Amino acid sequence: MHDFLLLVGGFALTTVAGGLLGYWLQGRMWRHQERNRLQQAQIHAARAFYEELSRLLDRRLHRMRQLDGQLDRPRQADEVDRLLNRYRDVLDEWNDNLNRNLALGISYFGQLVHAALEALYEDFSLAGSQIETRVREYRENGQASSSAVTLRLRGLDLVIYDLNLAMIEALQRESVGVPNKDRNKTSPAPTLGSAAERLSRRLTER
């Protein structure tokens, strides 16, 4: 009888312990899957943001180059007006998304991308003011007397290129979005990739 009770008690304890262990393992697996799902959702959202931002940056730069180049050609007032309207269309889109892009940039890609966007906003504003001045000169005199903004636009092009590469690099490394707290306890902070390092140097040299 005593042996039988020990057998029943041992079986019960084993069953309970096994159930608890199974429950713990199942919960751990669910949390792991949920973290992976959230991470993939972050990567997908970050990629969509990168594609949208990259197109907007390239479109604004291209419209500025077109307009600035046209201002060196006399007797092209109609074409200047057409290109000015196209530039102002993309400028409206740019201004409509200004704070949103800054917020998403730092949320998905961190402080470096946020700093790069702030620098680009400042440089775009300066270049835009110069181009608007050249447009006024063109309308008043039939030609722009101040110099083209070629060099400033070239500087913008280089920063945009490095920014694109840095974001692509982060997407490839899957180092975007909210970091995994458990991983950070055991792993060192990721080092900057080559594109991000180059972007950081370029911002420092501005």
N, C-alpha and C. Protein backbone atom coordinates (compact mmCIF):
# COMPACT_ATOMS: atom_id res chain seq x y z
N MET A 1 0.83 -1.21 0.00
CA MET A 1 0.00 0.00 0.00
C MET A 1 0.87 1.26 0.00
N HIS A 2 1.88 1.22 0.85
CA HIS A 2 2.80 2.36 0.93
C HIS A 2 3.48 2.61 -0.42
N ASP A 3 3.93 1.53 -1.07
CA ASP A 3 4.58 1.66 -2.38
C ASP A 3 3.60 2.21 -3.42
N PHE A 4 2.35 1.77 -3.29
CA PHE A 4 1.34 2.23 -4.24
C PHE A 4 1.10 3.73 -4.11
N LEU A 5 1.03 4.21 -2.85
CA LEU A 5 0.84 5.64 -2.61
C LEU A 5 2.04 6.45 -3.12
N LEU A 6 3.23 5.89 -2.92
CA LEU A 6 4.43 6.57 -3.45
C LEU A 6 4.38 6.65 -4.97
N LEU A 7 3.92 5.56 -5.58
CA LEU A 7 3.81 5.52 -7.04
C LEU A 7 2.81 6.54 -7.55
N VAL A 8 1.65 6.60 -6.88
CA VAL A 8 0.61 7.56 -7.28
C VAL A 8 1.10 8.99 -7.06
N GLY A 9 1.73 9.21 -5.89
CA GLY A 9 2.24 10.55 -5.61
C GLY A 9 3.31 10.98 -6.58
N GLY A 10 4.21 10.04 -6.91
CA GLY A 10 5.27 10.36 -7.88
C GLY A 10 4.69 10.65 -9.24
N PHE A 11 3.68 9.89 -9.63
CA PHE A 11 3.05 10.11 -10.94
C PHE A 11 2.37 11.48 -11.00
N ALA A 12 1.69 11.81 -9.88
CA ALA A 12 1.01 13.11 -9.83
C ALA A 12 2.01 14.26 -9.91
N LEU A 13 3.09 14.15 -9.14
CA LEU A 13 4.11 15.20 -9.16
C LEU A 13 4.74 15.34 -10.54
N THR A 14 5.02 14.18 -11.15
CA THR A 14 5.62 14.20 -12.49
C THR A 14 4.67 14.84 -13.49
N THR A 15 3.37 14.51 -13.37
CA THR A 15 2.38 15.08 -14.28
C THR A 15 2.28 16.58 -14.11
N VAL A 16 2.22 17.02 -12.84
CA VAL A 16 2.11 18.45 -12.57
C VAL A 16 3.37 19.19 -13.04
N ALA A 17 4.53 18.63 -12.68
CA ALA A 17 5.79 19.25 -13.08
C ALA A 17 5.92 19.30 -14.60
N GLY A 18 5.52 18.20 -15.24
CA GLY A 18 5.59 18.17 -16.70
C GLY A 18 4.65 19.19 -17.33
N GLY A 19 3.45 19.32 -16.72
CA GLY A 19 2.50 20.31 -17.23
C GLY A 19 3.00 21.72 -17.08
N LEU A 20 3.58 22.01 -15.91
CA LEU A 20 4.13 23.34 -15.67
C LEU A 20 5.29 23.65 -16.61
N LEU A 21 6.15 22.65 -16.80
CA LEU A 21 7.28 22.84 -17.71
C LEU A 21 6.80 23.07 -19.14
N GLY A 22 5.81 22.28 -19.54
CA GLY A 22 5.26 22.45 -20.88
C GLY A 22 4.63 23.81 -21.06
N TYR A 23 3.90 24.27 -20.01
CA TYR A 23 3.27 25.59 -20.06
C TYR A 23 4.33 26.69 -20.16
N TRP A 24 5.42 26.55 -19.39
CA TRP A 24 6.49 27.54 -19.42
C TRP A 24 7.18 27.58 -20.78
N LEU A 25 7.44 26.37 -21.32
CA LEU A 25 8.09 26.32 -22.64
C LEU A 25 7.19 26.89 -23.72
N GLN A 26 5.89 26.59 -23.63
CA GLN A 26 4.96 27.11 -24.62
C GLN A 26 4.89 28.63 -24.55
N GLY A 27 4.87 29.17 -23.32
CA GLY A 27 4.85 30.63 -23.15
C GLY A 27 6.11 31.27 -23.68
N ARG A 28 7.23 30.62 -23.42
CA ARG A 28 8.51 31.16 -23.91
C ARG A 28 8.55 31.15 -25.43
N MET A 29 8.06 30.09 -26.03
CA MET A 29 8.04 30.00 -27.49
C MET A 29 7.12 31.06 -28.07
N TRP A 30 5.96 31.27 -27.41
CA TRP A 30 5.03 32.28 -27.91
C TRP A 30 5.66 33.66 -27.84
N ARG A 31 6.36 33.97 -26.73
CA ARG A 31 7.00 35.28 -26.60
C ARG A 31 8.09 35.46 -27.65
N HIS A 32 8.82 34.39 -27.93
CA HIS A 32 9.86 34.46 -28.96
C HIS A 32 9.25 34.72 -30.33
N GLN A 33 8.17 34.02 -30.64
CA GLN A 33 7.50 34.23 -31.93
C GLN A 33 6.92 35.63 -32.04
N GLU A 34 6.37 36.12 -30.91
CA GLU A 34 5.80 37.46 -30.92
C GLU A 34 6.88 38.52 -31.13
N ARG A 35 8.05 38.34 -30.50
CA ARG A 35 9.16 39.27 -30.71
C ARG A 35 9.60 39.26 -32.17
N ASN A 36 9.68 38.07 -32.76
CA ASN A 36 10.07 37.98 -34.17
C ASN A 36 9.04 38.65 -35.07
N ARG A 37 7.76 38.45 -34.73
CA ARG A 37 6.70 39.06 -35.54
C ARG A 37 6.78 40.59 -35.47
N LEU A 38 6.97 41.11 -34.25
CA LEU A 38 7.07 42.56 -34.09
C LEU A 38 8.31 43.11 -34.78
N GLN A 39 9.42 42.37 -34.70
CA GLN A 39 10.65 42.81 -35.36
C GLN A 39 10.47 42.87 -36.87
N GLN A 40 9.85 41.84 -37.45
CA GLN A 40 9.61 41.83 -38.88
C GLN A 40 8.66 42.96 -39.30
N ALA A 41 7.66 43.24 -38.45
CA ALA A 41 6.75 44.35 -38.74
C ALA A 41 7.51 45.68 -38.73
N GLN A 42 8.44 45.82 -37.77
CA GLN A 42 9.26 47.02 -37.71
C GLN A 42 10.13 47.16 -38.96
N ILE A 43 10.73 46.06 -39.38
CA ILE A 43 11.58 46.09 -40.57
C ILE A 43 10.77 46.45 -41.80
N HIS A 44 9.59 45.87 -41.93
CA HIS A 44 8.72 46.17 -43.07
C HIS A 44 8.33 47.65 -43.08
N ALA A 45 7.94 48.18 -41.92
CA ALA A 45 7.57 49.60 -41.84
C ALA A 45 8.76 50.51 -42.12
N ALA A 46 9.93 50.13 -41.60
CA ALA A 46 11.14 50.93 -41.83
C ALA A 46 11.51 50.93 -43.31
N ARG A 47 11.35 49.80 -43.97
CA ARG A 47 11.65 49.72 -45.41
C ARG A 47 10.70 50.62 -46.21
N ALA A 48 9.42 50.59 -45.86
CA ALA A 48 8.44 51.43 -46.55
C ALA A 48 8.77 52.91 -46.35
N PHE A 49 9.17 53.27 -45.13
CA PHE A 49 9.55 54.66 -44.85
C PHE A 49 10.79 55.06 -45.65
N TYR A 50 11.78 54.18 -45.69
CA TYR A 50 13.00 54.46 -46.46
C TYR A 50 12.66 54.72 -47.92
N GLU A 51 11.84 53.86 -48.52
CA GLU A 51 11.51 54.00 -49.94
C GLU A 51 10.78 55.31 -50.21
N GLU A 52 9.86 55.66 -49.33
CA GLU A 52 9.11 56.90 -49.48
C GLU A 52 10.02 58.12 -49.33
N LEU A 53 10.85 58.11 -48.30
CA LEU A 53 11.75 59.23 -48.05
C LEU A 53 12.78 59.38 -49.15
N SER A 54 13.34 58.28 -49.61
CA SER A 54 14.37 58.31 -50.65
C SER A 54 13.81 58.92 -51.94
N ARG A 55 12.61 58.51 -52.31
CA ARG A 55 11.99 59.08 -53.52
C ARG A 55 11.74 60.58 -53.36
N LEU A 56 11.29 60.99 -52.18
CA LEU A 56 11.01 62.40 -51.95
C LEU A 56 12.29 63.24 -52.01
N LEU A 57 13.36 62.76 -51.39
CA LEU A 57 14.63 63.47 -51.43
C LEU A 57 15.15 63.61 -52.86
N ASP A 58 15.11 62.51 -53.60
CA ASP A 58 15.61 62.54 -54.98
C ASP A 58 14.74 63.45 -55.86
N ARG A 59 13.43 63.41 -55.62
CA ARG A 59 12.53 64.23 -56.45
C ARG A 59 12.75 65.71 -56.19
N ARG A 60 12.92 66.09 -54.93
CA ARG A 60 13.15 67.51 -54.65
C ARG A 60 14.48 67.97 -55.24
N LEU A 61 15.52 67.17 -55.07
CA LEU A 61 16.83 67.54 -55.61
C LEU A 61 16.78 67.66 -57.13
N HIS A 62 16.10 66.73 -57.78
CA HIS A 62 16.01 66.75 -59.25
C HIS A 62 15.26 67.98 -59.73
N ARG A 63 14.15 68.33 -59.07
CA ARG A 63 13.37 69.50 -59.49
C ARG A 63 14.18 70.78 -59.29
N MET A 64 14.97 70.84 -58.23
CA MET A 64 15.80 72.02 -58.00
C MET A 64 16.89 72.15 -59.08
N ARG A 65 17.48 71.03 -59.43
CA ARG A 65 18.50 71.06 -60.48
C ARG A 65 17.90 71.51 -61.82
N GLN A 66 16.73 70.99 -62.15
CA GLN A 66 16.09 71.38 -63.40
C GLN A 66 15.83 72.88 -63.44
N LEU A 67 15.25 73.39 -62.36
CA LEU A 67 14.91 74.81 -62.32
C LEU A 67 16.16 75.68 -62.32
N ASP A 68 17.15 75.33 -61.53
CA ASP A 68 18.37 76.12 -61.45
C ASP A 68 19.09 76.16 -62.80
N GLY A 69 19.12 75.01 -63.47
CA GLY A 69 19.77 74.96 -64.78
C GLY A 69 19.05 75.80 -65.83
N GLN A 70 17.71 75.82 -65.78
CA GLN A 70 16.93 76.57 -66.76
C GLN A 70 17.14 78.07 -66.61
N LEU A 71 17.49 78.51 -65.41
CA LEU A 71 17.65 79.95 -65.16
C LEU A 71 18.90 80.52 -65.83
N ASP A 72 19.74 79.67 -66.38
CA ASP A 72 20.92 80.14 -67.12
C ASP A 72 20.61 80.33 -68.60
N ARG A 73 19.37 80.04 -68.99
CA ARG A 73 18.99 80.16 -70.40
C ARG A 73 18.05 81.35 -70.58
N PRO A 74 18.46 82.34 -71.37
CA PRO A 74 17.61 83.53 -71.57
C PRO A 74 16.37 83.20 -72.41
N ARG A 75 15.34 84.05 -72.23
CA ARG A 75 14.10 83.97 -73.01
C ARG A 75 13.42 82.59 -72.89
N GLN A 76 13.38 82.08 -71.68
CA GLN A 76 12.71 80.79 -71.42
C GLN A 76 11.71 80.93 -70.27
N ALA A 77 11.02 82.08 -70.23
CA ALA A 77 10.15 82.40 -69.09
C ALA A 77 9.07 81.35 -68.89
N ASP A 78 8.46 80.87 -69.98
CA ASP A 78 7.38 79.88 -69.85
C ASP A 78 7.90 78.58 -69.24
N GLU A 79 9.08 78.16 -69.68
CA GLU A 79 9.66 76.92 -69.16
C GLU A 79 10.08 77.10 -67.70
N VAL A 80 10.59 78.28 -67.37
CA VAL A 80 10.95 78.56 -65.98
C VAL A 80 9.71 78.48 -65.09
N ASP A 81 8.60 79.05 -65.55
CA ASP A 81 7.36 78.99 -64.77
C ASP A 81 6.88 77.55 -64.60
N ARG A 82 7.00 76.76 -65.65
CA ARG A 82 6.57 75.36 -65.58
C ARG A 82 7.41 74.59 -64.56
N LEU A 83 8.71 74.77 -64.63
CA LEU A 83 9.60 74.07 -63.70
C LEU A 83 9.45 74.59 -62.28
N LEU A 84 9.16 75.89 -62.15
CA LEU A 84 8.93 76.45 -60.81
C LEU A 84 7.69 75.84 -60.17
N ASN A 85 6.64 75.66 -60.96
CA ASN A 85 5.42 75.03 -60.44
C ASN A 85 5.67 73.58 -60.03
N ARG A 86 6.45 72.86 -60.83
CA ARG A 86 6.78 71.48 -60.47
C ARG A 86 7.61 71.42 -59.19
N TYR A 87 8.53 72.36 -59.05
CA TYR A 87 9.34 72.42 -57.83
C TYR A 87 8.47 72.73 -56.62
N ARG A 88 7.54 73.66 -56.76
CA ARG A 88 6.70 74.03 -55.62
C ARG A 88 5.73 72.91 -55.24
N ASP A 89 5.36 72.08 -56.21
CA ASP A 89 4.52 70.91 -55.89
C ASP A 89 5.24 69.96 -54.94
N VAL A 90 6.50 69.65 -55.27
CA VAL A 90 7.25 68.74 -54.41
C VAL A 90 7.63 69.44 -53.10
N LEU A 91 7.78 70.76 -53.11
CA LEU A 91 8.07 71.50 -51.88
C LEU A 91 6.88 71.42 -50.92
N ASP A 92 5.66 71.49 -51.45
CA ASP A 92 4.47 71.34 -50.61
C ASP A 92 4.45 69.96 -49.97
N GLU A 93 4.73 68.93 -50.76
CA GLU A 93 4.77 67.57 -50.22
C GLU A 93 5.85 67.46 -49.14
N TRP A 94 6.99 68.08 -49.38
CA TRP A 94 8.10 68.07 -48.44
C TRP A 94 7.68 68.70 -47.11
N ASN A 95 7.08 69.89 -47.18
CA ASN A 95 6.69 70.60 -45.97
C ASN A 95 5.56 69.89 -45.22
N ASP A 96 4.68 69.23 -45.97
CA ASP A 96 3.57 68.49 -45.34
C ASP A 96 4.07 67.33 -44.49
N ASN A 97 5.27 66.81 -44.80
CA ASN A 97 5.79 65.62 -44.11
C ASN A 97 7.03 65.90 -43.27
N LEU A 98 7.30 67.17 -43.02
CA LEU A 98 8.56 67.56 -42.38
C LEU A 98 8.74 66.88 -41.02
N ASN A 99 7.85 67.14 -40.08
CA ASN A 99 7.99 66.59 -38.73
C ASN A 99 7.76 65.08 -38.70
N ARG A 100 6.87 64.61 -39.55
CA ARG A 100 6.61 63.17 -39.62
C ARG A 100 7.88 62.41 -40.00
N ASN A 101 8.57 62.91 -41.02
CA ASN A 101 9.79 62.22 -41.46
C ASN A 101 10.89 62.27 -40.40
N LEU A 102 10.98 63.38 -39.69
CA LEU A 102 11.97 63.47 -38.60
C LEU A 102 11.66 62.45 -37.51
N ALA A 103 10.38 62.36 -37.14
CA ALA A 103 9.99 61.43 -36.08
C ALA A 103 10.20 59.98 -36.49
N LEU A 104 9.79 59.64 -37.71
CA LEU A 104 9.97 58.26 -38.18
C LEU A 104 11.44 57.94 -38.39
N GLY A 105 12.21 58.93 -38.84
CA GLY A 105 13.63 58.70 -39.06
C GLY A 105 14.34 58.28 -37.79
N ILE A 106 14.08 58.99 -36.69
CA ILE A 106 14.76 58.63 -35.44
C ILE A 106 14.17 57.36 -34.84
N SER A 107 12.87 57.12 -35.06
CA SER A 107 12.25 55.91 -34.51
C SER A 107 12.77 54.64 -35.17
N TYR A 108 12.92 54.67 -36.49
CA TYR A 108 13.33 53.48 -37.22
C TYR A 108 14.84 53.34 -37.36
N PHE A 109 15.55 54.48 -37.54
CA PHE A 109 16.97 54.40 -37.90
C PHE A 109 17.91 55.09 -36.92
N GLY A 110 17.38 55.77 -35.92
CA GLY A 110 18.23 56.31 -34.88
C GLY A 110 18.67 57.75 -35.09
N GLN A 111 19.53 58.18 -34.19
CA GLN A 111 19.94 59.57 -34.11
C GLN A 111 20.72 60.04 -35.34
N LEU A 112 21.53 59.16 -35.93
CA LEU A 112 22.34 59.57 -37.08
C LEU A 112 21.46 59.99 -38.25
N VAL A 113 20.44 59.20 -38.55
CA VAL A 113 19.53 59.53 -39.66
C VAL A 113 18.74 60.80 -39.33
N HIS A 114 18.34 60.94 -38.08
CA HIS A 114 17.65 62.16 -37.66
C HIS A 114 18.53 63.39 -37.88
N ALA A 115 19.80 63.30 -37.49
CA ALA A 115 20.74 64.41 -37.67
C ALA A 115 20.96 64.71 -39.15
N ALA A 116 21.04 63.65 -39.96
CA ALA A 116 21.23 63.84 -41.40
C ALA A 116 20.03 64.55 -42.02
N LEU A 117 18.83 64.19 -41.59
CA LEU A 117 17.63 64.84 -42.12
C LEU A 117 17.58 66.31 -41.71
N GLU A 118 17.94 66.61 -40.47
CA GLU A 118 17.96 68.00 -40.04
C GLU A 118 18.97 68.81 -40.86
N ALA A 119 20.13 68.22 -41.12
CA ALA A 119 21.14 68.90 -41.94
C ALA A 119 20.63 69.12 -43.36
N LEU A 120 19.97 68.10 -43.92
CA LEU A 120 19.42 68.23 -45.27
C LEU A 120 18.34 69.29 -45.33
N TYR A 121 17.49 69.35 -44.31
CA TYR A 121 16.44 70.36 -44.29
C TYR A 121 17.04 71.76 -44.34
N GLU A 122 18.10 71.97 -43.56
CA GLU A 122 18.76 73.28 -43.53
C GLU A 122 19.39 73.59 -44.89
N ASP A 123 20.10 72.63 -45.47
CA ASP A 123 20.78 72.87 -46.75
C ASP A 123 19.79 73.04 -47.89
N PHE A 124 18.71 72.25 -47.87
CA PHE A 124 17.68 72.41 -48.89
C PHE A 124 17.05 73.80 -48.80
N SER A 125 16.83 74.27 -47.58
CA SER A 125 16.22 75.59 -47.40
C SER A 125 17.13 76.69 -47.94
N LEU A 126 18.43 76.59 -47.66
CA LEU A 126 19.37 77.58 -48.18
C LEU A 126 19.44 77.56 -49.70
N ALA A 127 19.51 76.35 -50.27
CA ALA A 127 19.56 76.23 -51.73
C ALA A 127 18.27 76.73 -52.36
N GLY A 128 17.14 76.42 -51.74
CA GLY A 128 15.85 76.88 -52.25
C GLY A 128 15.74 78.39 -52.25
N SER A 129 16.25 79.02 -51.18
CA SER A 129 16.22 80.49 -51.12
C SER A 129 17.06 81.11 -52.23
N GLN A 130 18.21 80.51 -52.50
CA GLN A 130 19.07 81.01 -53.59
C GLN A 130 18.39 80.87 -54.94
N ILE A 131 17.73 79.75 -55.16
CA ILE A 131 17.04 79.53 -56.43
C ILE A 131 15.87 80.50 -56.58
N GLU A 132 15.12 80.72 -55.50
CA GLU A 132 14.00 81.67 -55.56
C GLU A 132 14.52 83.07 -55.90
N THR A 133 15.68 83.43 -55.35
CA THR A 133 16.29 84.74 -55.69
C THR A 133 16.62 84.80 -57.17
N ARG A 134 17.18 83.72 -57.70
CA ARG A 134 17.51 83.67 -59.13
C ARG A 134 16.25 83.75 -60.00
N VAL A 135 15.16 83.16 -59.53
CA VAL A 135 13.89 83.25 -60.27
C VAL A 135 13.42 84.71 -60.33
N ARG A 136 13.49 85.41 -59.22
CA ARG A 136 13.09 86.83 -59.21
C ARG A 136 13.97 87.66 -60.15
N GLU A 137 15.27 87.39 -60.13
CA GLU A 137 16.18 88.10 -61.04
C GLU A 137 15.80 87.82 -62.50
N TYR A 138 15.47 86.58 -62.78
CA TYR A 138 15.12 86.19 -64.15
C TYR A 138 13.86 86.93 -64.61
N ARG A 139 12.89 87.01 -63.74
CA ARG A 139 11.64 87.67 -64.11
C ARG A 139 11.82 89.18 -64.29
N GLU A 140 12.72 89.76 -63.51
CA GLU A 140 12.93 91.20 -63.58
C GLU A 140 13.83 91.60 -64.76
N ASN A 141 14.84 90.79 -65.05
CA ASN A 141 15.87 91.18 -66.02
C ASN A 141 15.97 90.26 -67.23
N GLY A 142 15.20 89.19 -67.25
CA GLY A 142 15.30 88.25 -68.35
C GLY A 142 16.44 87.27 -68.22
N GLN A 143 17.15 87.38 -67.12
CA GLN A 143 18.23 86.43 -66.83
C GLN A 143 18.57 86.50 -65.33
N ALA A 144 19.18 85.44 -64.83
CA ALA A 144 19.59 85.42 -63.42
C ALA A 144 21.01 85.95 -63.33
N SER A 145 21.21 86.96 -62.49
CA SER A 145 22.54 87.56 -62.37
C SER A 145 23.40 86.85 -61.32
N SER A 146 22.78 86.23 -60.33
CA SER A 146 23.55 85.52 -59.31
C SER A 146 23.95 84.13 -59.82
N SER A 147 24.93 83.55 -59.16
CA SER A 147 25.50 82.28 -59.63
C SER A 147 24.54 81.12 -59.44
N ALA A 148 24.71 80.11 -60.27
CA ALA A 148 23.93 78.88 -60.13
C ALA A 148 24.27 78.20 -58.80
N VAL A 149 23.37 77.33 -58.36
CA VAL A 149 23.51 76.69 -57.04
C VAL A 149 24.12 75.30 -57.20
N THR A 150 24.88 75.11 -58.25
CA THR A 150 25.39 73.79 -58.61
C THR A 150 26.16 73.12 -57.48
N LEU A 151 27.10 73.85 -56.87
CA LEU A 151 27.95 73.26 -55.84
C LEU A 151 27.15 72.87 -54.60
N ARG A 152 26.21 73.72 -54.21
CA ARG A 152 25.39 73.41 -53.04
C ARG A 152 24.52 72.18 -53.31
N LEU A 153 24.00 72.08 -54.51
CA LEU A 153 23.18 70.92 -54.86
C LEU A 153 24.03 69.65 -54.93
N ARG A 154 25.27 69.80 -55.36
CA ARG A 154 26.19 68.65 -55.37
C ARG A 154 26.44 68.16 -53.94
N GLY A 155 26.61 69.10 -53.00
CA GLY A 155 26.78 68.71 -51.60
C GLY A 155 25.56 67.98 -51.07
N LEU A 156 24.37 68.44 -51.44
CA LEU A 156 23.14 67.75 -51.04
C LEU A 156 23.10 66.34 -51.61
N ASP A 157 23.51 66.20 -52.85
CA ASP A 157 23.52 64.90 -53.52
C ASP A 157 24.38 63.90 -52.76
N LEU A 158 25.54 64.33 -52.30
CA LEU A 158 26.46 63.43 -51.59
C LEU A 158 25.87 62.98 -50.25
N VAL A 159 25.26 63.91 -49.52
CA VAL A 159 24.65 63.55 -48.24
C VAL A 159 23.48 62.60 -48.45
N ILE A 160 22.65 62.87 -49.46
CA ILE A 160 21.50 62.00 -49.74
C ILE A 160 21.96 60.60 -50.11
N TYR A 161 23.01 60.52 -50.91
CA TYR A 161 23.55 59.22 -51.31
C TYR A 161 24.01 58.41 -50.09
N ASP A 162 24.79 59.06 -49.22
CA ASP A 162 25.27 58.37 -48.02
C ASP A 162 24.13 58.02 -47.07
N LEU A 163 23.13 58.89 -46.99
CA LEU A 163 21.97 58.61 -46.15
C LEU A 163 21.22 57.39 -46.66
N ASN A 164 21.02 57.32 -47.96
CA ASN A 164 20.35 56.14 -48.55
C ASN A 164 21.12 54.86 -48.24
N LEU A 165 22.43 54.91 -48.43
CA LEU A 165 23.25 53.72 -48.16
C LEU A 165 23.19 53.33 -46.68
N ALA A 166 23.22 54.31 -45.80
CA ALA A 166 23.18 54.01 -44.36
C ALA A 166 21.85 53.35 -43.98
N MET A 167 20.75 53.81 -44.55
CA MET A 167 19.45 53.20 -44.25
C MET A 167 19.34 51.80 -44.85
N ILE A 168 19.86 51.62 -46.07
CA ILE A 168 19.87 50.29 -46.68
C ILE A 168 20.70 49.33 -45.83
N GLU A 169 21.82 49.82 -45.38
CA GLU A 169 22.72 49.02 -44.53
C GLU A 169 22.01 48.58 -43.25
N ALA A 170 21.29 49.51 -42.62
CA ALA A 170 20.55 49.18 -41.39
C ALA A 170 19.46 48.15 -41.67
N LEU A 171 18.79 48.27 -42.81
CA LEU A 171 17.75 47.30 -43.17
C LEU A 171 18.35 45.92 -43.42
N GLN A 172 19.48 45.88 -44.09
CA GLN A 172 20.13 44.60 -44.35
C GLN A 172 20.59 43.92 -43.06
N ARG A 173 21.03 44.73 -42.10
CA ARG A 173 21.48 44.19 -40.81
C ARG A 173 20.32 43.95 -39.85
N GLU A 174 19.12 44.41 -40.27
CA GLU A 174 17.91 44.31 -39.44
C GLU A 174 18.10 45.02 -38.11
N SER A 175 18.86 46.11 -38.12
CA SER A 175 19.09 46.89 -36.91
C SER A 175 18.24 48.16 -36.97
N VAL A 176 16.93 47.98 -37.12
CA VAL A 176 16.00 49.10 -37.20
C VAL A 176 14.90 48.91 -36.17
N GLY A 177 14.23 50.02 -35.85
CA GLY A 177 13.11 49.94 -34.94
C GLY A 177 13.53 49.82 -33.49
N VAL A 178 12.57 49.43 -32.65
CA VAL A 178 12.82 49.29 -31.22
C VAL A 178 13.73 48.10 -30.98
N PRO A 179 14.85 48.25 -30.26
CA PRO A 179 15.78 47.14 -30.05
C PRO A 179 15.18 46.06 -29.17
N ASN A 180 15.66 44.84 -29.35
CA ASN A 180 15.23 43.70 -28.55
C ASN A 180 15.93 43.77 -27.20
N LYS A 181 15.17 43.94 -26.11
CA LYS A 181 15.77 44.13 -24.79
C LYS A 181 16.55 42.90 -24.34
N ASP A 182 16.02 41.72 -24.60
CA ASP A 182 16.72 40.50 -24.19
C ASP A 182 18.04 40.36 -24.91
N ARG A 183 18.06 40.69 -26.22
CA ARG A 183 19.29 40.58 -26.99
C ARG A 183 20.32 41.57 -26.50
N ASN A 184 19.86 42.77 -26.11
CA ASN A 184 20.79 43.80 -25.67
C ASN A 184 21.48 43.45 -24.36
N LYS A 185 20.88 42.56 -23.54
CA LYS A 185 21.50 42.17 -22.28
C LYS A 185 22.74 41.32 -22.50
N THR A 186 22.79 40.62 -23.61
CA THR A 186 23.89 39.69 -23.84
C THR A 186 24.78 40.08 -25.00
N SER A 187 24.32 40.99 -25.84
CA SER A 187 25.08 41.36 -27.04
C SER A 187 25.54 42.80 -26.95
N PRO A 188 26.73 43.10 -27.45
CA PRO A 188 27.18 44.49 -27.46
C PRO A 188 26.39 45.29 -28.47
N ALA A 189 26.37 46.60 -28.30
CA ALA A 189 25.68 47.46 -29.26
C ALA A 189 26.31 47.29 -30.63
N PRO A 190 25.48 47.24 -31.71
CA PRO A 190 26.03 47.05 -33.04
C PRO A 190 26.88 48.22 -33.46
N THR A 191 27.98 47.95 -34.13
CA THR A 191 28.84 49.01 -34.63
C THR A 191 28.25 49.59 -35.90
N LEU A 192 28.60 50.84 -36.18
CA LEU A 192 28.12 51.47 -37.41
C LEU A 192 28.72 50.78 -38.62
N GLY A 193 27.92 50.64 -39.67
CA GLY A 193 28.42 50.11 -40.91
C GLY A 193 29.23 51.18 -41.64
N SER A 194 29.83 50.79 -42.73
CA SER A 194 30.72 51.72 -43.46
C SER A 194 29.97 52.93 -43.98
N ALA A 195 28.75 52.72 -44.50
CA ALA A 195 27.98 53.85 -45.02
C ALA A 195 27.59 54.81 -43.91
N ALA A 196 27.19 54.27 -42.76
CA ALA A 196 26.82 55.12 -41.63
C ALA A 196 28.02 55.90 -41.11
N GLU A 197 29.18 55.27 -41.08
CA GLU A 197 30.40 55.98 -40.64
C GLU A 197 30.73 57.11 -41.61
N ARG A 198 30.59 56.85 -42.90
CA ARG A 198 30.87 57.90 -43.89
C ARG A 198 29.87 59.05 -43.76
N LEU A 199 28.61 58.71 -43.54
CA LEU A 199 27.59 59.74 -43.35
C LEU A 199 27.90 60.57 -42.10
N SER A 200 28.32 59.92 -41.02
CA SER A 200 28.66 60.62 -39.79
C SER A 200 29.82 61.59 -40.03
N ARG A 201 30.85 61.15 -40.76
CA ARG A 201 31.99 62.04 -41.05
C ARG A 201 31.54 63.22 -41.91
N ARG A 202 30.68 62.94 -42.88
CA ARG A 202 30.24 64.02 -43.77
C ARG A 202 29.45 65.09 -42.99
N LEU A 203 28.64 64.66 -42.04
CA LEU A 203 27.89 65.61 -41.23
C LEU A 203 28.82 66.42 -40.34
N THR A 204 29.86 65.77 -39.82
CA THR A 204 30.82 66.46 -38.96
C THR A 204 31.60 67.52 -39.75
N GLU A 205 31.84 67.25 -41.03
CA GLU A 205 32.64 68.16 -41.87
C GLU A 205 31.83 69.31 -42.46
N ARG A 206 30.53 69.32 -42.26
CA ARG A 206 29.71 70.39 -42.84
C ARG A 206 30.11 71.76 -42.29
